[in-house]
């Protein structure tokens, strides 16, 4: 149903945090070639999760002071915006 809704709305599927055994979910989602799927997880990708190799990117960890740097760059324009949850 999730993939159907993504197709109908021309949307992507984003899964943040995979289950303990992600293989079945990853295989089901990546079998749909007509839907963009983004998976994020702190664990490294395991090739056994899917018969096809996805594009795997490593995101750098958060740097100390990231929120302060954004607050300084945005100035007072960030009023009402919860910067801590975004950074």
C-alpha atoms as a PDB file:
ATOM      1  CA  UNK A   1       0.000   0.000   0.000  1.00  0.00           C
ATOM      2  CA  UNK A   2       2.890   2.364   0.785  1.00  0.00           C
ATOM      3  CA  UNK A   3       4.432   1.905  -2.652  1.00  0.00           C
ATOM      4  CA  UNK A   4       1.055   2.369  -4.342  1.00  0.00           C
ATOM      5  CA  UNK A   5       0.499   5.655  -2.516  1.00  0.00           C
ATOM      6  CA  UNK A   6       3.996   6.808  -3.469  1.00  0.00           C
ATOM      7  CA  UNK A   7       3.294   6.010  -7.120  1.00  0.00           C
ATOM      8  CA  UNK A   8      -0.092   7.740  -7.132  1.00  0.00           C
ATOM      9  CA  UNK A   9       1.293  10.875  -5.518  1.00  0.00           C
ATOM     10  CA  UNK A  10       4.603  10.833  -7.411  1.00  0.00           C
ATOM     11  CA  UNK A  11       6.353  10.749  -4.032  1.00  0.00           C
ATOM     12  CA  UNK A  12       9.427   9.128  -2.555  1.00  0.00           C
ATOM     13  CA  UNK A  13       9.461   6.686   0.358  1.00  0.00           C
ATOM     14  CA  UNK A  14      11.758   7.623   3.247  1.00  0.00           C
ATOM     15  CA  UNK A  15      12.502   5.102   5.997  1.00  0.00           C
ATOM     16  CA  UNK A  16      14.550   6.425   8.914  1.00  0.00           C
ATOM     17  CA  UNK A  17      15.738   3.634  11.160  1.00  0.00           C
ATOM     18  CA  UNK A  18      15.505   0.097   9.848  1.00  0.00           C
ATOM     19  CA  UNK A  19      14.154  -2.882  11.803  1.00  0.00           C
ATOM     20  CA  UNK A  20      16.533  -5.334  13.477  1.00  0.00           C
ATOM     21  CA  UNK A  21      16.347  -7.635  10.431  1.00  0.00           C
ATOM     22  CA  UNK A  22      15.906  -5.183   7.546  1.00  0.00           C
ATOM     23  CA  UNK A  23      16.372  -7.610   4.639  1.00  0.00           C
ATOM     24  CA  UNK A  24      12.689  -8.279   3.839  1.00  0.00           C
ATOM     25  CA  UNK A  25      11.755  -4.594   4.052  1.00  0.00           C
ATOM     26  CA  UNK A  26      14.738  -3.470   1.967  1.00  0.00           C
ATOM     27  CA  UNK A  27      14.040  -6.117  -0.691  1.00  0.00           C
ATOM     28  CA  UNK A  28      10.344  -5.193  -0.886  1.00  0.00           C
ATOM     29  CA  UNK A  29      11.003  -1.472  -1.198  1.00  0.00           C
ATOM     30  CA  UNK A  30      13.909  -1.695  -3.629  1.00  0.00           C
ATOM     31  CA  UNK A  31      12.050  -4.123  -5.898  1.00  0.00           C
ATOM     32  CA  UNK A  32       9.876  -1.195  -6.981  1.00  0.00           C
ATOM     33  CA  UNK A  33      11.976   0.426  -9.692  1.00  0.00           C
ATOM     34  CA  UNK A  34       9.469   3.223 -10.272  1.00  0.00           C
ATOM     35  CA  UNK A  35       9.570   4.637  -6.724  1.00  0.00           C
ATOM     36  CA  UNK A  36      12.471   6.517  -5.172  1.00  0.00           C
ATOM     37  CA  UNK A  37      13.374   4.974  -1.814  1.00  0.00           C
ATOM     38  CA  UNK A  38      15.686   6.533   0.772  1.00  0.00           C
ATOM     39  CA  UNK A  39      16.770   4.379   3.709  1.00  0.00           C
ATOM     40  CA  UNK A  40      18.727   5.710   6.670  1.00  0.00           C
ATOM     41  CA  UNK A  41      20.198   3.754   9.528  1.00  0.00           C
ATOM     42  CA  UNK A  42      23.241   4.080  11.776  1.00  0.00           C
ATOM     43  CA  UNK A  43      24.383   0.595  10.742  1.00  0.00           C
ATOM     44  CA  UNK A  44      26.402   0.144   7.559  1.00  0.00           C
ATOM     45  CA  UNK A  45      24.626  -1.387   4.567  1.00  0.00           C
ATOM     46  CA  UNK A  46      24.783  -5.181   4.375  1.00  0.00           C
ATOM     47  CA  UNK A  47      24.817  -6.630   0.813  1.00  0.00           C
ATOM     48  CA  UNK A  48      22.658  -9.521   2.032  1.00  0.00           C
ATOM     49  CA  UNK A  49      19.734  -7.127   2.507  1.00  0.00           C
ATOM     50  CA  UNK A  50      19.006  -6.843  -1.218  1.00  0.00           C
ATOM     51  CA  UNK A  51      19.911  -8.710  -4.428  1.00  0.00           C
ATOM     52  CA  UNK A  52      20.706  -5.385  -6.121  1.00  0.00           C
ATOM     53  CA  UNK A  53      23.316  -2.933  -4.932  1.00  0.00           C
ATOM     54  CA  UNK A  54      21.927   0.490  -4.011  1.00  0.00           C
ATOM     55  CA  UNK A  55      23.757   3.780  -3.975  1.00  0.00           C
ATOM     56  CA  UNK A  56      25.306   3.880  -0.506  1.00  0.00           C
ATOM     57  CA  UNK A  57      26.436   7.200   0.964  1.00  0.00           C
ATOM     58  CA  UNK A  58      28.013   7.843   4.341  1.00  0.00           C
ATOM     59  CA  UNK A  59      26.858  11.039   6.000  1.00  0.00           C
ATOM     60  CA  UNK A  60      29.361  12.789   8.240  1.00  0.00           C
ATOM     61  CA  UNK A  61      28.584  12.976  11.923  1.00  0.00           C
ATOM     62  CA  UNK A  62      27.362  16.152  13.506  1.00  0.00           C
ATOM     63  CA  UNK A  63      30.040  18.661  14.306  1.00  0.00           C
ATOM     64  CA  UNK A  64      30.122  20.356  17.660  1.00  0.00           C
ATOM     65  CA  UNK A  65      28.672  23.840  17.436  1.00  0.00           C
ATOM     66  CA  UNK A  66      26.496  23.127  14.409  1.00  0.00           C
ATOM     67  CA  UNK A  67      23.376  24.684  15.917  1.00  0.00           C
ATOM     68  CA  UNK A  68      25.323  27.769  17.000  1.00  0.00           C
ATOM     69  CA  UNK A  69      26.724  28.221  13.489  1.00  0.00           C
ATOM     70  CA  UNK A  70      23.242  28.013  11.944  1.00  0.00           C
ATOM     71  CA  UNK A  71      21.818  30.369  14.567  1.00  0.00           C
ATOM     72  CA  UNK A  72      24.536  32.911  13.758  1.00  0.00           C
ATOM     73  CA  UNK A  73      23.928  32.546  10.010  1.00  0.00           C
ATOM     74  CA  UNK A  74      20.133  32.865  10.275  1.00  0.00           C
ATOM     75  CA  UNK A  75      20.114  35.631  12.845  1.00  0.00           C
ATOM     76  CA  UNK A  76      16.694  36.795  13.964  1.00  0.00           C
ATOM     77  CA  UNK A  77      15.053  35.244  10.887  1.00  0.00           C
ATOM     78  CA  UNK A  78      14.961  31.964  12.813  1.00  0.00           C
ATOM     79  CA  UNK A  79      12.378  33.234  15.312  1.00  0.00           C
ATOM     80  CA  UNK A  80       9.741  30.555  15.893  1.00  0.00           C
ATOM     81  CA  UNK A  81      11.827  27.903  14.124  1.00  0.00           C
ATOM     82  CA  UNK A  82      13.056  25.019  16.274  1.00  0.00           C
ATOM     83  CA  UNK A  83      16.634  24.989  15.064  1.00  0.00           C
ATOM     84  CA  UNK A  84      17.793  22.366  17.578  1.00  0.00           C
ATOM     85  CA  UNK A  85      15.577  19.679  16.029  1.00  0.00           C
ATOM     86  CA  UNK A  86      16.704  20.521  12.500  1.00  0.00           C
ATOM     87  CA  UNK A  87      20.450  20.556  13.114  1.00  0.00           C
END
